[in-house]
């Protein structure tokens, strides 16, 4: 399911995998969207992606672009359109940095 380069990055640095699957307390906007108070970054991304697919928010002409509705805009910095490559970065902003 993961692209080959992502698999290599995770196996080369197991901490990256831990960062993706560790549970984190969510801020209120994201908590309302996801419906849980704690979730991993990966789980959150999967919920957002599922919401995009269920509500048919991908642009018809360019599948690499998501047209945000009001609910999605609330967690994606108010942007009207987001590129798929930008989506993980925007979701990551809601997760606090891990203390070392």
PDB file of N, CA and C in Angstrom:
ATOM      1  N   UNK A   1       0.815  -1.190   0.000  1.00  0.00           N
ATOM      2  CA  UNK A   1       0.000   0.000   0.000  1.00  0.00           C
ATOM      3  C   UNK A   1       0.863   1.261   0.000  1.00  0.00           C
ATOM      4  N   UNK A   2       2.005   1.205   0.684  1.00  0.00           N
ATOM      5  CA  UNK A   2       2.918   2.348   0.697  1.00  0.00           C
ATOM      6  C   UNK A   2       3.805   2.332  -0.538  1.00  0.00           C
ATOM      7  N   UNK A   3       4.153   3.505  -1.053  1.00  0.00           N
ATOM      8  CA  UNK A   3       5.101   3.544  -2.170  1.00  0.00           C
ATOM      9  C   UNK A   3       6.456   2.977  -1.743  1.00  0.00           C
ATOM     10  N   UNK A   4       7.201   2.468  -2.696  1.00  0.00           N
ATOM     11  CA  UNK A   4       8.483   1.820  -2.416  1.00  0.00           C
ATOM     12  C   UNK A   4       9.435   2.752  -1.671  1.00  0.00           C
ATOM     13  N   UNK A   5       9.494   4.018  -2.061  1.00  0.00           N
ATOM     14  CA  UNK A   5      10.435   4.932  -1.418  1.00  0.00           C
ATOM     15  C   UNK A   5      10.028   5.208   0.026  1.00  0.00           C
ATOM     16  N   UNK A   6       8.716   5.185   0.321  1.00  0.00           N
ATOM     17  CA  UNK A   6       8.253   5.372   1.698  1.00  0.00           C
ATOM     18  C   UNK A   6       8.602   4.147   2.539  1.00  0.00           C
ATOM     19  N   UNK A   7       8.449   2.956   1.957  1.00  0.00           N
ATOM     20  CA  UNK A   7       8.812   1.733   2.674  1.00  0.00           C
ATOM     21  C   UNK A   7      10.291   1.746   3.034  1.00  0.00           C
ATOM     22  N   UNK A   8      11.130   2.163   2.088  1.00  0.00           N
ATOM     23  CA  UNK A   8      12.574   2.209   2.328  1.00  0.00           C
ATOM     24  C   UNK A   8      12.896   3.212   3.432  1.00  0.00           C
ATOM     25  N   UNK A   9      12.269   4.373   3.409  1.00  0.00           N
ATOM     26  CA  UNK A   9      12.519   5.402   4.423  1.00  0.00           C
ATOM     27  C   UNK A   9      12.130   4.905   5.804  1.00  0.00           C
ATOM     28  N   UNK A  10      11.022   4.178   5.895  1.00  0.00           N
ATOM     29  CA  UNK A  10      10.562   3.670   7.191  1.00  0.00           C
ATOM     30  C   UNK A  10      11.464   2.566   7.691  1.00  0.00           C
ATOM     31  N   UNK A  11      11.909   1.655   6.811  1.00  0.00           N
ATOM     32  CA  UNK A  11      12.771   0.577   7.260  1.00  0.00           C
ATOM     33  C   UNK A  11      14.172   1.079   7.582  1.00  0.00           C
ATOM     34  N   UNK A  12      14.617   2.143   6.919  1.00  0.00           N
ATOM     35  CA  UNK A  12      15.925   2.721   7.224  1.00  0.00           C
ATOM     36  C   UNK A  12      15.914   3.464   8.552  1.00  0.00           C
ATOM     37  N   UNK A  13      14.789   4.056   8.920  1.00  0.00           N
ATOM     38  CA  UNK A  13      14.681   4.831  10.155  1.00  0.00           C
ATOM     39  C   UNK A  13      13.379   4.468  10.865  1.00  0.00           C
ATOM     40  N   UNK A  14      13.424   3.481  11.774  1.00  0.00           N
ATOM     41  CA  UNK A  14      12.203   3.035  12.459  1.00  0.00           C
ATOM     42  C   UNK A  14      11.507   4.147  13.250  1.00  0.00           C
ATOM     43  N   UNK A  15      12.224   5.212  13.627  1.00  0.00           N
ATOM     44  CA  UNK A  15      11.610   6.315  14.365  1.00  0.00           C
ATOM     45  C   UNK A  15      10.529   6.993  13.522  1.00  0.00           C
ATOM     46  N   UNK A  16      10.717   7.033  12.199  1.00  0.00           N
ATOM     47  CA  UNK A  16       9.709   7.623  11.323  1.00  0.00           C
ATOM     48  C   UNK A  16       8.396   6.856  11.425  1.00  0.00           C
ATOM     49  N   UNK A  17       8.485   5.532  11.497  1.00  0.00           N
ATOM     50  CA  UNK A  17       7.284   4.719  11.648  1.00  0.00           C
ATOM     51  C   UNK A  17       6.635   4.994  13.001  1.00  0.00           C
ATOM     52  N   UNK A  18       7.437   5.100  14.045  1.00  0.00           N
ATOM     53  CA  UNK A  18       6.901   5.379  15.380  1.00  0.00           C
ATOM     54  C   UNK A  18       6.184   6.721  15.403  1.00  0.00           C
ATOM     55  N   UNK A  19       6.723   7.726  14.725  1.00  0.00           N
ATOM     56  CA  UNK A  19       6.086   9.037  14.662  1.00  0.00           C
ATOM     57  C   UNK A  19       4.722   8.959  13.966  1.00  0.00           C
ATOM     58  N   UNK A  20       4.605   8.066  12.986  1.00  0.00           N
ATOM     59  CA  UNK A  20       3.350   7.935  12.253  1.00  0.00           C
ATOM     60  C   UNK A  20       2.265   7.220  13.044  1.00  0.00           C
ATOM     61  N   UNK A  21       2.670   6.248  13.892  1.00  0.00           N
ATOM     62  CA  UNK A  21       1.664   5.419  14.549  1.00  0.00           C
ATOM     63  C   UNK A  21       1.453   5.740  16.023  1.00  0.00           C
ATOM     64  N   UNK A  22       2.247   6.634  16.614  1.00  0.00           N
ATOM     65  CA  UNK A  22       2.033   7.019  18.008  1.00  0.00           C
ATOM     66  C   UNK A  22       0.742   7.817  18.135  1.00  0.00           C
ATOM     67  N   UNK A  23      -0.016   7.512  19.187  1.00  0.00           N
ATOM     68  CA  UNK A  23      -1.247   8.263  19.444  1.00  0.00           C
ATOM     69  C   UNK A  23      -0.908   9.640  19.972  1.00  0.00           C
ATOM     70  N   UNK A  24      -1.704  10.621  19.584  1.00  0.00           N
ATOM     71  CA  UNK A  24      -1.504  11.993  20.042  1.00  0.00           C
ATOM     72  C   UNK A  24      -2.860  12.595  20.397  1.00  0.00           C
ATOM     73  N   UNK A  25      -2.860  13.490  21.375  1.00  0.00           N
ATOM     74  CA  UNK A  25      -4.073  14.237  21.702  1.00  0.00           C
ATOM     75  C   UNK A  25      -4.310  15.267  20.605  1.00  0.00           C
ATOM     76  N   UNK A  26      -5.538  15.358  20.164  1.00  0.00           N
ATOM     77  CA  UNK A  26      -5.855  16.229  19.032  1.00  0.00           C
ATOM     78  C   UNK A  26      -6.404  17.573  19.487  1.00  0.00           C
ATOM     79  N   UNK A  27      -6.090  18.633  18.723  1.00  0.00           N
ATOM     80  CA  UNK A  27      -6.728  19.930  18.995  1.00  0.00           C
ATOM     81  C   UNK A  27      -8.217  19.862  18.637  1.00  0.00           C
ATOM     82  N   UNK A  28      -8.995  20.813  19.122  1.00  0.00           N
ATOM     83  CA  UNK A  28     -10.456  20.734  19.011  1.00  0.00           C
ATOM     84  C   UNK A  28     -10.968  20.631  17.571  1.00  0.00           C
ATOM     85  N   UNK A  29     -10.406  21.393  16.636  1.00  0.00           N
ATOM     86  CA  UNK A  29     -10.888  21.350  15.245  1.00  0.00           C
ATOM     87  C   UNK A  29     -10.718  19.960  14.649  1.00  0.00           C
ATOM     88  N   UNK A  30      -9.538  19.394  14.847  1.00  0.00           N
ATOM     89  CA  UNK A  30      -9.275  18.066  14.295  1.00  0.00           C
ATOM     90  C   UNK A  30     -10.074  16.999  15.045  1.00  0.00           C
ATOM     91  N   UNK A  31     -10.261  17.178  16.335  1.00  0.00           N
ATOM     92  CA  UNK A  31     -11.047  16.241  17.150  1.00  0.00           C
ATOM     93  C   UNK A  31     -12.487  16.174  16.631  1.00  0.00           C
ATOM     94  N   UNK A  32     -13.060  17.327  16.298  1.00  0.00           N
ATOM     95  CA  UNK A  32     -14.422  17.362  15.760  1.00  0.00           C
ATOM     96  C   UNK A  32     -14.496  16.668  14.400  1.00  0.00           C
ATOM     97  N   UNK A  33     -13.472  16.868  13.577  1.00  0.00           N
ATOM     98  CA  UNK A  33     -13.464  16.261  12.244  1.00  0.00           C
ATOM     99  C   UNK A  33     -13.345  14.747  12.330  1.00  0.00           C
ATOM    100  N   UNK A  34     -12.405  14.265  13.143  1.00  0.00           N
ATOM    101  CA  UNK A  34     -12.106  12.835  13.231  1.00  0.00           C
ATOM    102  C   UNK A  34     -13.124  12.101  14.103  1.00  0.00           C
ATOM    103  N   UNK A  35     -13.603  12.772  15.144  1.00  0.00           N
ATOM    104  CA  UNK A  35     -14.550  12.132  16.047  1.00  0.00           C
ATOM    105  C   UNK A  35     -13.896  11.352  17.170  1.00  0.00           C
ATOM    106  N   UNK A  36     -12.605  11.591  17.394  1.00  0.00           N
ATOM    107  CA  UNK A  36     -11.865  10.940  18.472  1.00  0.00           C
ATOM    108  C   UNK A  36     -10.972  11.975  19.132  1.00  0.00           C
ATOM    109  N   UNK A  37     -10.619  11.725  20.395  1.00  0.00           N
ATOM    110  CA  UNK A  37      -9.733  12.666  21.085  1.00  0.00           C
ATOM    111  C   UNK A  37      -8.264  12.307  20.875  1.00  0.00           C
ATOM    112  N   UNK A  38      -7.988  11.033  20.556  1.00  0.00           N
ATOM    113  CA  UNK A  38      -6.621  10.597  20.279  1.00  0.00           C
ATOM    114  C   UNK A  38      -6.607   9.755  19.016  1.00  0.00           C
ATOM    115  N   UNK A  39      -5.585   9.970  18.206  1.00  0.00           N
ATOM    116  CA  UNK A  39      -5.413   9.171  16.988  1.00  0.00           C
ATOM    117  C   UNK A  39      -3.976   9.355  16.516  1.00  0.00           C
ATOM    118  N   UNK A  40      -3.479   8.412  15.740  1.00  0.00           N
ATOM    119  CA  UNK A  40      -2.135   8.546  15.176  1.00  0.00           C
ATOM    120  C   UNK A  40      -2.194   9.442  13.948  1.00  0.00           C
ATOM    121  N   UNK A  41      -1.035   9.934  13.538  1.00  0.00           N
ATOM    122  CA  UNK A  41      -0.978  10.756  12.323  1.00  0.00           C
ATOM    123  C   UNK A  41      -1.453   9.965  11.115  1.00  0.00           C
ATOM    124  N   UNK A  42      -1.026   8.721  11.043  1.00  0.00           N
ATOM    125  CA  UNK A  42      -1.418   7.863   9.926  1.00  0.00           C
ATOM    126  C   UNK A  42      -2.925   7.626   9.936  1.00  0.00           C
ATOM    127  N   UNK A  43      -3.470   7.343  11.109  1.00  0.00           N
ATOM    128  CA  UNK A  43      -4.915   7.138  11.233  1.00  0.00           C
ATOM    129  C   UNK A  43      -5.693   8.372  10.846  1.00  0.00           C
ATOM    130  N   UNK A  44      -5.191   9.521  11.233  1.00  0.00           N
ATOM    131  CA  UNK A  44      -5.837  10.785  10.899  1.00  0.00           C
ATOM    132  C   UNK A  44      -5.817  11.011   9.386  1.00  0.00           C
ATOM    133  N   UNK A  45      -4.680  10.767   8.770  1.00  0.00           N
ATOM    134  CA  UNK A  45      -4.579  10.926   7.318  1.00  0.00           C
ATOM    135  C   UNK A  45      -5.553   9.992   6.614  1.00  0.00           C
ATOM    136  N   UNK A  46      -5.659   8.767   7.111  1.00  0.00           N
ATOM    137  CA  UNK A  46      -6.568   7.805   6.485  1.00  0.00           C
ATOM    138  C   UNK A  46      -8.025   8.256   6.623  1.00  0.00           C
ATOM    139  N   UNK A  47      -8.384   8.853   7.768  1.00  0.00           N
ATOM    140  CA  UNK A  47      -9.745   9.374   7.959  1.00  0.00           C
ATOM    141  C   UNK A  47     -10.021  10.529   6.997  1.00  0.00           C
ATOM    142  N   UNK A  48      -9.057  11.420   6.860  1.00  0.00           N
ATOM    143  CA  UNK A  48      -9.220  12.561   5.949  1.00  0.00           C
ATOM    144  C   UNK A  48      -9.349  12.062   4.514  1.00  0.00           C
ATOM    145  N   UNK A  49      -8.513  11.110   4.131  1.00  0.00           N
ATOM    146  CA  UNK A  49      -8.563  10.571   2.776  1.00  0.00           C
ATOM    147  C   UNK A  49      -9.904   9.883   2.524  1.00  0.00           C
ATOM    148  N   UNK A  50     -10.387   9.137   3.494  1.00  0.00           N
ATOM    149  CA  UNK A  50     -11.685   8.477   3.377  1.00  0.00           C
ATOM    150  C   UNK A  50     -12.801   9.508   3.201  1.00  0.00           C
ATOM    151  N   UNK A  51     -12.731  10.600   3.947  1.00  0.00           N
ATOM    152  CA  UNK A  51     -13.717  11.681   3.834  1.00  0.00           C
ATOM    153  C   UNK A  51     -13.691  12.293   2.426  1.00  0.00           C
ATOM    154  N   UNK A  52     -12.495  12.493   1.905  1.00  0.00           N
ATOM    155  CA  UNK A  52     -12.342  13.062   0.557  1.00  0.00           C
ATOM    156  C   UNK A  52     -12.973  12.140  -0.481  1.00  0.00           C
ATOM    157  N   UNK A  53     -12.700  10.849  -0.387  1.00  0.00           N
ATOM    158  CA  UNK A  53     -13.223   9.888  -1.353  1.00  0.00           C
ATOM    159  C   UNK A  53     -14.740   9.738  -1.221  1.00  0.00           C
ATOM    160  N   UNK A  54     -15.236   9.666   0.015  1.00  0.00           N
ATOM    161  CA  UNK A  54     -16.668   9.488   0.260  1.00  0.00           C
ATOM    162  C   UNK A  54     -17.479  10.660  -0.267  1.00  0.00           C
ATOM    163  N   UNK A  55     -16.956  11.866  -0.087  1.00  0.00           N
ATOM    164  CA  UNK A  55     -17.675  13.068  -0.508  1.00  0.00           C
ATOM    165  C   UNK A  55     -17.289  13.550  -1.907  1.00  0.00           C
ATOM    166  N   UNK A  56     -16.506  12.733  -2.610  1.00  0.00           N
ATOM    167  CA  UNK A  56     -16.121  13.022  -4.001  1.00  0.00           C
ATOM    168  C   UNK A  56     -15.534  14.429  -4.135  1.00  0.00           C
ATOM    169  N   UNK A  57     -14.507  14.718  -3.341  1.00  0.00           N
ATOM    170  CA  UNK A  57     -13.914  16.052  -3.317  1.00  0.00           C
ATOM    171  C   UNK A  57     -12.698  16.205  -4.228  1.00  0.00           C
ATOM    172  N   UNK A  58     -12.266  15.108  -4.866  1.00  0.00           N
ATOM    173  CA  UNK A  58     -11.161  15.241  -5.811  1.00  0.00           C
ATOM    174  C   UNK A  58     -11.658  15.973  -7.051  1.00  0.00           C
ATOM    175  N   UNK A  59     -10.814  16.842  -7.582  1.00  0.00           N
ATOM    176  CA  UNK A  59     -11.158  17.593  -8.780  1.00  0.00           C
ATOM    177  C   UNK A  59     -11.363  16.624  -9.943  1.00  0.00           C
ATOM    178  N   UNK A  60     -12.404  16.837 -10.722  1.00  0.00           N
ATOM    179  CA  UNK A  60     -12.720  15.934 -11.835  1.00  0.00           C
ATOM    180  C   UNK A  60     -11.660  15.983 -12.931  1.00  0.00           C
ATOM    181  N   UNK A  61     -11.076  17.160 -13.154  1.00  0.00           N
ATOM    182  CA  UNK A  61     -10.084  17.314 -14.229  1.00  0.00           C
ATOM    183  C   UNK A  61      -8.680  16.946 -13.782  1.00  0.00           C
ATOM    184  N   UNK A  62      -8.370  17.164 -12.523  1.00  0.00           N
ATOM    185  CA  UNK A  62      -7.027  16.887 -12.012  1.00  0.00           C
ATOM    186  C   UNK A  62      -7.162  16.153 -10.684  1.00  0.00           C
ATOM    187  N   UNK A  63      -6.951  14.842 -10.698  1.00  0.00           N
ATOM    188  CA  UNK A  63      -7.132  14.016  -9.504  1.00  0.00           C
ATOM    189  C   UNK A  63      -6.094  14.298  -8.422  1.00  0.00           C
ATOM    190  N   UNK A  64      -5.063  15.077  -8.724  1.00  0.00           N
ATOM    191  CA  UNK A  64      -4.061  15.442  -7.734  1.00  0.00           C
ATOM    192  C   UNK A  64      -4.479  16.647  -6.902  1.00  0.00           C
ATOM    193  N   UNK A  65      -5.675  17.166  -7.153  1.00  0.00           N
ATOM    194  CA  UNK A  65      -6.173  18.340  -6.435  1.00  0.00           C
ATOM    195  C   UNK A  65      -7.461  17.972  -5.707  1.00  0.00           C
ATOM    196  N   UNK A  66      -7.570  18.440  -4.463  1.00  0.00           N
ATOM    197  CA  UNK A  66      -8.772  18.233  -3.661  1.00  0.00           C
ATOM    198  C   UNK A  66      -9.485  19.570  -3.518  1.00  0.00           C
ATOM    199  N   UNK A  67     -10.772  19.599  -3.846  1.00  0.00           N
ATOM    200  CA  UNK A  67     -11.603  20.781  -3.633  1.00  0.00           C
ATOM    201  C   UNK A  67     -12.198  20.669  -2.234  1.00  0.00           C
ATOM    202  N   UNK A  68     -11.800  21.542  -1.340  1.00  0.00           N
ATOM    203  CA  UNK A  68     -12.199  21.443   0.062  1.00  0.00           C
ATOM    204  C   UNK A  68     -13.603  21.991   0.282  1.00  0.00           C
ATOM    205  N   UNK A  69     -14.410  21.239   1.026  1.00  0.00           N
ATOM    206  CA  UNK A  69     -15.696  21.772   1.473  1.00  0.00           C
ATOM    207  C   UNK A  69     -15.470  22.482   2.811  1.00  0.00           C
ATOM    208  N   UNK A  70     -16.513  23.000   3.410  1.00  0.00           N
ATOM    209  CA  UNK A  70     -16.383  23.795   4.637  1.00  0.00           C
ATOM    210  C   UNK A  70     -15.747  22.989   5.776  1.00  0.00           C
ATOM    211  N   UNK A  71     -16.169  21.742   5.926  1.00  0.00           N
ATOM    212  CA  UNK A  71     -15.652  20.904   7.017  1.00  0.00           C
ATOM    213  C   UNK A  71     -14.165  20.620   6.834  1.00  0.00           C
ATOM    214  N   UNK A  72     -13.752  20.302   5.627  1.00  0.00           N
ATOM    215  CA  UNK A  72     -12.344  20.013   5.343  1.00  0.00           C
ATOM    216  C   UNK A  72     -11.497  21.274   5.452  1.00  0.00           C
ATOM    217  N   UNK A  73     -12.056  22.395   5.020  1.00  0.00           N
ATOM    218  CA  UNK A  73     -11.342  23.669   5.102  1.00  0.00           C
ATOM    219  C   UNK A  73     -10.984  24.028   6.542  1.00  0.00           C
ATOM    220  N   UNK A  74     -11.835  23.617   7.485  1.00  0.00           N
ATOM    221  CA  UNK A  74     -11.597  23.955   8.886  1.00  0.00           C
ATOM    222  C   UNK A  74     -10.298  23.350   9.422  1.00  0.00           C
ATOM    223  N   UNK A  75      -9.849  22.235   8.852  1.00  0.00           N
ATOM    224  CA  UNK A  75      -8.602  21.626   9.326  1.00  0.00           C
ATOM    225  C   UNK A  75      -7.429  21.850   8.385  1.00  0.00           C
ATOM    226  N   UNK A  76      -7.683  22.384   7.188  1.00  0.00           N
ATOM    227  CA  UNK A  76      -6.616  22.587   6.201  1.00  0.00           C
ATOM    228  C   UNK A  76      -6.319  24.066   5.969  1.00  0.00           C
ATOM    229  N   UNK A  77      -6.267  24.821   7.045  1.00  0.00           N
ATOM    230  CA  UNK A  77      -5.879  26.231   7.037  1.00  0.00           C
ATOM    231  C   UNK A  77      -6.775  27.106   6.149  1.00  0.00           C
ATOM    232  N   UNK A  78      -8.017  26.700   5.951  1.00  0.00           N
ATOM    233  CA  UNK A  78      -8.961  27.502   5.190  1.00  0.00           C
ATOM    234  C   UNK A  78      -8.748  27.506   3.690  1.00  0.00           C
ATOM    235  N   UNK A  79      -7.918  26.609   3.175  1.00  0.00           N
ATOM    236  CA  UNK A  79      -7.627  26.577   1.734  1.00  0.00           C
ATOM    237  C   UNK A  79      -8.816  26.022   0.954  1.00  0.00           C
ATOM    238  N   UNK A  80      -9.074  26.612  -0.205  1.00  0.00           N
ATOM    239  CA  UNK A  80     -10.160  26.137  -1.061  1.00  0.00           C
ATOM    240  C   UNK A  80      -9.773  24.888  -1.836  1.00  0.00           C
ATOM    241  N   UNK A  81      -8.510  24.823  -2.241  1.00  0.00           N
ATOM    242  CA  UNK A  81      -7.984  23.664  -2.956  1.00  0.00           C
ATOM    243  C   UNK A  81      -6.634  23.281  -2.359  1.00  0.00           C
ATOM    244  N   UNK A  82      -6.386  21.984  -2.316  1.00  0.00           N
ATOM    245  CA  UNK A  82      -5.128  21.463  -1.779  1.00  0.00           C
ATOM    246  C   UNK A  82      -4.628  20.382  -2.718  1.00  0.00           C
ATOM    247  N   UNK A  83      -3.333  20.386  -2.996  1.00  0.00           N
ATOM    248  CA  UNK A  83      -2.749  19.299  -3.778  1.00  0.00           C
ATOM    249  C   UNK A  83      -2.540  18.097  -2.862  1.00  0.00           C
ATOM    250  N   UNK A  84      -2.651  16.905  -3.418  1.00  0.00           N
ATOM    251  CA  UNK A  84      -2.512  15.694  -2.605  1.00  0.00           C
ATOM    252  C   UNK A  84      -1.157  15.626  -1.911  1.00  0.00           C
ATOM    253  N   UNK A  85      -0.121  16.082  -2.574  1.00  0.00           N
ATOM    254  CA  UNK A  85       1.217  16.054  -1.988  1.00  0.00           C
ATOM    255  C   UNK A  85       1.320  16.968  -0.771  1.00  0.00           C
ATOM    256  N   UNK A  86       0.487  17.972  -0.706  1.00  0.00           N
ATOM    257  CA  UNK A  86       0.504  18.948   0.382  1.00  0.00           C
ATOM    258  C   UNK A  86      -0.311  18.471   1.599  1.00  0.00           C
ATOM    259  N   UNK A  87      -1.200  17.532   1.382  1.00  0.00           N
ATOM    260  CA  UNK A  87      -2.129  17.075   2.414  1.00  0.00           C
ATOM    261  C   UNK A  87      -1.445  16.542   3.678  1.00  0.00           C
ATOM    262  N   UNK A  88      -0.463  15.640   3.589  1.00  0.00           N
ATOM    263  CA  UNK A  88       0.186  15.156   4.809  1.00  0.00           C
ATOM    264  C   UNK A  88       0.865  16.272   5.608  1.00  0.00           C
ATOM    265  N   UNK A  89       1.447  17.242   4.921  1.00  0.00           N
ATOM    266  CA  UNK A  89       2.107  18.352   5.611  1.00  0.00           C
ATOM    267  C   UNK A  89       1.103  19.184   6.393  1.00  0.00           C
ATOM    268  N   UNK A  90      -0.067  19.411   5.812  1.00  0.00           N
ATOM    269  CA  UNK A  90      -1.091  20.203   6.478  1.00  0.00           C
ATOM    270  C   UNK A  90      -1.671  19.468   7.687  1.00  0.00           C
ATOM    271  N   UNK A  91      -1.806  18.158   7.577  1.00  0.00           N
ATOM    272  CA  UNK A  91      -2.307  17.362   8.701  1.00  0.00           C
ATOM    273  C   UNK A  91      -1.267  17.317   9.813  1.00  0.00           C
ATOM    274  N   UNK A  92      -0.002  17.223   9.440  1.00  0.00           N
ATOM    275  CA  UNK A  92       1.079  17.151  10.426  1.00  0.00           C
ATOM    276  C   UNK A  92       1.126  18.403  11.314  1.00  0.00           C
ATOM    277  N   UNK A  93       0.683  19.529  10.797  1.00  0.00           N
ATOM    278  CA  UNK A  93       0.689  20.769  11.575  1.00  0.00           C
ATOM    279  C   UNK A  93      -0.165  20.677  12.840  1.00  0.00           C
ATOM    280  N   UNK A  94      -1.150  19.792  12.841  1.00  0.00           N
ATOM    281  CA  UNK A  94      -2.038  19.638  13.995  1.00  0.00           C
ATOM    282  C   UNK A  94      -1.437  18.768  15.101  1.00  0.00           C
ATOM    283  N   UNK A  95      -0.343  18.087  14.803  1.00  0.00           N
ATOM    284  CA  UNK A  95       0.244  17.165  15.770  1.00  0.00           C
ATOM    285  C   UNK A  95       1.434  17.822  16.454  1.00  0.00           C
ATOM    286  N   UNK A  96       1.474  17.772  17.785  1.00  0.00           N
ATOM    287  CA  UNK A  96       2.581  18.400  18.506  1.00  0.00           C
ATOM    288  C   UNK A  96       3.886  17.667  18.251  1.00  0.00           C
ATOM    289  N   UNK A  97       4.964  18.422  18.301  1.00  0.00           N
ATOM    290  CA  UNK A  97       6.291  17.816  18.136  1.00  0.00           C
ATOM    291  C   UNK A  97       6.584  16.930  19.337  1.00  0.00           C
ATOM    292  N   UNK A  98       7.214  15.791  19.062  1.00  0.00           N
ATOM    293  CA  UNK A  98       7.564  14.843  20.112  1.00  0.00           C
ATOM    294  C   UNK A  98       8.797  15.347  20.861  1.00  0.00           C
ATOM    295  N   UNK A  99       8.766  15.265  22.184  1.00  0.00           N
ATOM    296  CA  UNK A  99       9.925  15.611  22.981  1.00  0.00           C
ATOM    297  C   UNK A  99      10.949  14.496  22.896  1.00  0.00           C
ATOM    298  N   UNK A 100      12.214  14.862  22.742  1.00  0.00           N
ATOM    299  CA  UNK A 100      13.275  13.840  22.626  1.00  0.00           C
ATOM    300  C   UNK A 100      13.853  13.517  23.986  1.00  0.00           C
TER     301      UNK A 100
END
